[in-house]
Amino acid sequence: MEQISQWLWKQEYWLPPGISWADMEKMEGSRRPLPRDLLLALPLALGFIMLRYAFERLVAFPLSRVLGVKDQVRLKVTPVPNLEAFYTKNSRQPTQEGTETSRRRLTNWDIA
């Protein structure tokens, strides 16, 4: 555990060149960061998420209804059999060569 702490608080990561932790301790009014300071981040993040959720439900949604904001109409895409066949035939991550030939074939709609 001590090795992890030493690695985490290396002065090369946190301080500018030429400054060491000993220099920081000598400065008046400076407070050296402690690992437990990182424990505050999780409760703060959860608190902000809850605050956002409450704001959306209690303020934003009713206000949008009052202002007359409506959901957008989402159009359903009609499937193109040629494109579907090409996609299922080829891999999800084709090689560079495959993309060039397939791009030419798709522009001509000549999918076999």
Protein backbone atom coordinates (compact mmCIF):
# COMPACT_ATOMS: atom_id res chain seq x y z
CA MET A 1 0.00 0.00 0.00
CA GLU A 2 2.88 2.33 0.75
CA GLN A 3 4.32 1.78 -2.75
CA ILE A 4 0.99 2.74 -4.32
CA SER A 5 0.85 5.87 -2.21
CA GLN A 6 4.41 6.81 -3.16
CA TRP A 7 3.66 6.22 -6.84
CA LEU A 8 0.40 8.20 -6.71
CA TRP A 9 1.92 11.24 -4.99
CA LYS A 10 5.13 11.50 -7.05
CA GLN A 11 6.14 15.13 -7.27
CA GLU A 12 6.69 14.83 -11.03
CA TYR A 13 2.94 14.25 -11.48
CA TRP A 14 1.60 16.99 -9.24
CA LEU A 15 4.20 19.75 -8.94
CA PRO A 16 6.02 21.97 -11.42
CA PRO A 17 9.70 21.26 -12.15
CA GLY A 18 12.05 22.41 -9.39
CA ILE A 19 9.43 22.15 -6.62
CA SER A 20 9.26 19.25 -4.17
CA TRP A 21 6.85 18.22 -1.45
CA ALA A 22 9.36 19.46 1.14
CA ASP A 23 9.18 22.91 -0.46
CA MET A 24 5.41 22.79 -0.28
CA GLU A 25 5.50 21.95 3.44
CA LYS A 26 7.79 24.92 4.09
CA MET A 27 5.34 27.36 2.48
CA GLU A 28 3.02 29.08 4.90
CA GLY A 29 -0.67 28.50 4.44
CA SER A 30 -0.25 25.57 2.08
CA ARG A 31 -2.07 22.33 2.75
CA ARG A 32 -0.69 19.11 1.35
CA PRO A 33 -3.32 17.00 -0.42
CA LEU A 34 -4.20 13.73 1.24
CA PRO A 35 -5.55 10.57 -0.39
CA ARG A 36 -8.73 10.87 1.64
CA ASP A 37 -9.45 14.11 -0.22
CA LEU A 38 -10.35 11.96 -3.22
CA LEU A 39 -13.13 10.29 -1.23
CA LEU A 40 -15.16 13.49 -1.42
CA ALA A 41 -15.51 13.21 -5.21
CA LEU A 42 -17.94 10.25 -5.22
CA PRO A 43 -20.54 11.72 -2.83
CA LEU A 44 -20.36 15.04 -4.69
CA ALA A 45 -20.90 13.33 -8.05
CA LEU A 46 -23.89 11.38 -6.72
CA GLY A 47 -25.29 14.56 -5.19
CA PHE A 48 -25.06 16.40 -8.50
CA ILE A 49 -26.74 13.50 -10.30
CA MET A 50 -29.62 13.54 -7.81
CA LEU A 51 -29.88 17.33 -8.10
CA ARG A 52 -30.05 17.09 -11.89
CA TYR A 53 -32.70 14.36 -11.73
CA ALA A 54 -34.82 16.40 -9.31
CA PHE A 55 -34.45 19.54 -11.43
CA GLU A 56 -35.50 17.72 -14.60
CA ARG A 57 -38.53 16.13 -12.96
CA LEU A 58 -39.74 19.00 -10.78
CA VAL A 59 -38.78 22.12 -12.75
CA ALA A 60 -37.76 21.51 -16.37
CA PHE A 61 -40.48 19.06 -17.40
CA PRO A 62 -43.43 21.08 -15.99
CA LEU A 63 -41.94 24.31 -17.37
CA SER A 64 -41.61 22.78 -20.84
CA ARG A 65 -45.29 21.77 -20.74
CA VAL A 66 -46.29 25.32 -19.77
CA LEU A 67 -44.19 26.78 -22.59
CA GLY A 68 -45.71 24.36 -25.11
CA VAL A 69 -42.59 22.35 -25.98
CA LYS A 70 -43.52 19.07 -27.63
CA ASP A 71 -41.52 15.95 -28.47
CA GLN A 72 -40.18 15.77 -32.00
CA VAL A 73 -41.80 13.34 -34.39
CA ARG A 74 -39.35 10.51 -34.94
CA LEU A 75 -39.49 8.98 -38.36
CA LYS A 76 -38.99 5.28 -38.70
CA VAL A 77 -36.27 4.31 -41.17
CA THR A 78 -37.29 1.84 -43.82
CA PRO A 79 -34.76 -0.94 -44.21
CA VAL A 80 -32.93 -1.25 -47.53
CA PRO A 81 -32.40 -4.96 -48.28
CA ASN A 82 -29.24 -4.37 -50.33
CA LEU A 83 -27.57 -2.46 -47.51
CA GLU A 84 -28.72 -4.95 -44.90
CA ALA A 85 -27.29 -7.83 -46.92
CA PHE A 86 -24.00 -6.02 -47.43
CA TYR A 87 -23.70 -5.26 -43.73
CA THR A 88 -24.41 -8.81 -42.60
CA LYS A 89 -22.09 -10.21 -45.27
CA ASN A 90 -19.07 -8.07 -44.30
CA SER A 91 -17.48 -7.71 -40.91
CA ARG A 92 -18.25 -4.86 -38.54
CA GLN A 93 -14.67 -3.56 -38.82
CA PRO A 94 -13.56 -4.01 -42.43
CA THR A 95 -10.02 -3.48 -43.64
CA GLN A 96 -8.99 -0.32 -45.48
CA GLU A 97 -9.08 -2.15 -48.81
CA GLY A 98 -12.57 -3.40 -48.13
CA THR A 99 -13.89 0.06 -47.40
CA GLU A 100 -12.62 1.47 -50.69
CA THR A 101 -14.18 -1.29 -52.78
CA SER A 102 -17.39 -1.29 -50.77
CA ARG A 103 -17.67 2.50 -51.07
CA ARG A 104 -17.50 2.18 -54.86
CA ARG A 105 -20.00 -0.66 -54.85
CA LEU A 106 -22.43 1.21 -52.59
CA THR A 107 -22.39 4.32 -54.76
CA ASN A 108 -23.30 2.19 -57.76
CA TRP A 109 -25.87 0.17 -55.74
CA ASP A 110 -24.28 -2.92 -57.23
CA ILE A 111 -24.35 -5.16 -54.18
CA ALA A 112 -24.36 -8.83 -54.94
